[in-house]
Structure formats: C-alpha cells, structure tokens
Amino acid sequence: MLRLVSLQLIATIVAGVLAALLGGRAAMFSAVLGGLCCVVPNAIMALRLFASTKAGGANPFSFFIWEFIKIGLTLALLGATAYLYRDLNWLALLAGFIVALKSYIFLLFRH
C-alpha cells in the first residue's frame, strides 16, 4: 500500500511537469494540487491501516470507516483547492487527479 502511495506521488510530479510544459505555471500547480487531493488521503489511510496491522490485525470495519474518511477528505481537499486557488486550471486539476488515481495501472504492467 505504501508503494502505491509513492507511485501516486511520482505520477503526480510527472503530471505536474507535463502540465507545466503544456500550460504554464498555473496548470502545473493545478495538476499537482489535483494529484495531491488523491495522494494525501490515500497516504493517511495507508499509514493508518499499516499501523493497525502491526498492532494486532486488520479489522474490516476500520477499513470501511477509513475508506469513508478518505472519500470525505478527498472531496474536502478538492473543494478547498477550488475555493482557495484563484488561478485554477480545471482541466489540469482533473488530469492530475485522474493520473494519480489511476497510477496503480503502472504496477499491473510491470509484472
């Protein structure tokens, strides 16, 4: 799970570089913020689940609770980004979010 989060972070950085080349600085920040809206909640959930497996075993109920927290945090971060960042490029934001969200496909092709 932690490897997936690091892959999402790398994919977010690559999406930011591509957005910078195609759309400038505002597009780069938008793509990186969009990717971070996916990476940060996943990292929090991964660390929490990793800690719970070390403490005595994973609980399916805690997984579902943390999944709902992750979804809520993702929506809150997307809303805060849209509200606070004035030069937001929506296309770059969504592209960065989708790239981070679907970066696990690269792990499938690696094997």
Protein backbone atom coordinates (compact mmCIF):
# COMPACT_ATOMS: atom_id res chain seq x y z
CA MET A 1 0.00 0.00 0.00
CA LEU A 2 2.83 2.38 0.80
CA ARG A 3 4.44 1.54 -2.55
CA LEU A 4 1.22 2.55 -4.29
CA VAL A 5 1.19 5.90 -2.49
CA SER A 6 4.78 6.59 -3.56
CA LEU A 7 3.88 5.67 -7.13
CA GLN A 8 0.94 8.07 -6.97
CA LEU A 9 3.25 10.82 -5.77
CA ILE A 10 5.67 10.18 -8.63
CA ALA A 11 2.80 10.16 -11.14
CA THR A 12 1.59 13.48 -9.69
CA ILE A 13 5.01 15.05 -10.18
CA VAL A 14 5.18 13.76 -13.77
CA ALA A 15 1.68 15.15 -14.44
CA GLY A 16 2.79 18.49 -12.99
CA VAL A 17 5.84 18.62 -15.25
CA LEU A 18 3.75 17.79 -18.31
CA ALA A 19 1.15 20.40 -17.34
CA ALA A 20 3.93 22.97 -16.90
CA LEU A 21 5.21 22.24 -20.40
CA LEU A 22 1.74 22.44 -21.93
CA GLY A 23 0.02 25.14 -19.90
CA GLY A 24 2.45 27.11 -17.78
CA ARG A 25 2.82 27.63 -14.08
CA ALA A 26 -0.89 27.80 -13.19
CA ALA A 27 -1.52 24.49 -14.96
CA MET A 28 1.43 22.92 -13.15
CA PHE A 29 0.17 23.96 -9.72
CA SER A 30 -3.35 22.85 -10.64
CA ALA A 31 -2.16 19.40 -11.73
CA VAL A 32 0.00 18.94 -8.65
CA LEU A 33 -2.81 20.07 -6.36
CA GLY A 34 -5.21 17.72 -8.12
CA GLY A 35 -2.82 14.83 -7.64
CA LEU A 36 -2.24 15.73 -4.00
CA CYS A 37 -6.00 15.70 -3.43
CA CYS A 38 -5.75 11.99 -4.21
CA VAL A 39 -2.35 11.19 -2.68
CA VAL A 40 -2.79 12.77 0.76
CA PRO A 41 -5.98 10.89 1.75
CA ASN A 42 -4.55 7.64 0.39
CA ALA A 43 -1.34 8.16 2.39
CA ILE A 44 -3.30 8.82 5.58
CA MET A 45 -5.40 5.72 5.05
CA ALA A 46 -2.36 3.59 4.18
CA LEU A 47 -0.47 4.69 7.27
CA ARG A 48 -3.49 4.07 9.48
CA LEU A 49 -4.08 0.60 8.05
CA PHE A 50 -0.37 -0.20 8.26
CA ALA A 51 -0.36 0.80 11.93
CA SER A 52 -3.46 -1.28 12.66
CA THR A 53 -1.93 -4.42 11.11
CA LYS A 54 1.16 -4.02 13.31
CA ALA A 55 -0.99 -3.55 16.43
CA GLY A 56 -2.81 -6.85 16.17
CA GLY A 57 -4.51 -7.39 12.87
CA ALA A 58 -6.62 -5.61 10.34
CA ASN A 59 -10.26 -5.05 11.12
CA PRO A 60 -12.68 -4.92 8.15
CA PHE A 61 -14.84 -2.40 9.96
CA SER A 62 -11.92 0.02 10.38
CA PHE A 63 -11.10 -0.40 6.69
CA PHE A 64 -14.60 0.75 5.70
CA ILE A 65 -14.55 3.62 8.18
CA TRP A 66 -11.20 4.81 6.84
CA GLU A 67 -12.45 4.43 3.27
CA PHE A 68 -15.32 6.82 4.03
CA ILE A 69 -12.92 9.22 5.75
CA LYS A 70 -10.66 9.05 2.69
CA ILE A 71 -13.53 9.90 0.33
CA GLY A 72 -14.66 12.77 2.55
CA LEU A 73 -11.13 14.13 2.83
CA THR A 74 -10.67 13.89 -0.94
CA LEU A 75 -13.85 15.89 -1.55
CA ALA A 76 -12.86 18.42 1.11
CA LEU A 77 -9.42 18.90 -0.44
CA LEU A 78 -10.88 19.30 -3.93
CA GLY A 79 -13.36 21.86 -2.60
CA ALA A 80 -10.68 23.75 -0.69
CA THR A 81 -8.46 23.79 -3.77
CA ALA A 82 -11.26 25.16 -5.93
CA TYR A 83 -12.12 27.78 -3.34
CA LEU A 84 -8.62 28.93 -2.38
CA TYR A 85 -6.59 28.75 -5.60
CA ARG A 86 -7.68 31.61 -7.84
CA ASP A 87 -5.68 30.68 -10.97
CA LEU A 88 -7.11 27.19 -11.06
CA ASN A 89 -6.93 25.33 -14.36
CA TRP A 90 -9.76 22.81 -14.10
CA LEU A 91 -8.50 20.60 -16.92
CA ALA A 92 -5.06 20.31 -15.33
CA LEU A 93 -6.59 19.72 -11.89
CA LEU A 94 -8.75 16.88 -13.16
CA ALA A 95 -5.88 15.45 -15.23
CA GLY A 96 -3.56 15.42 -12.20
CA PHE A 97 -6.28 13.84 -10.07
CA ILE A 98 -7.04 11.11 -12.62
CA VAL A 99 -3.35 10.37 -13.23
CA ALA A 100 -2.77 9.92 -9.50
CA LEU A 101 -5.96 7.92 -9.12
CA LYS A 102 -5.15 5.52 -11.95
CA SER A 103 -1.39 5.23 -11.38
CA TYR A 104 -1.80 1.72 -9.97
CA ILE A 105 -2.21 0.52 -13.57
CA PHE A 106 1.56 1.01 -13.99
CA LEU A 107 2.10 -1.65 -11.31
CA LEU A 108 -0.03 -4.07 -13.31
CA PHE A 109 2.08 -3.58 -16.44
CA ARG A 110 5.31 -4.00 -14.52
CA HIS A 111 4.73 -7.70 -13.85
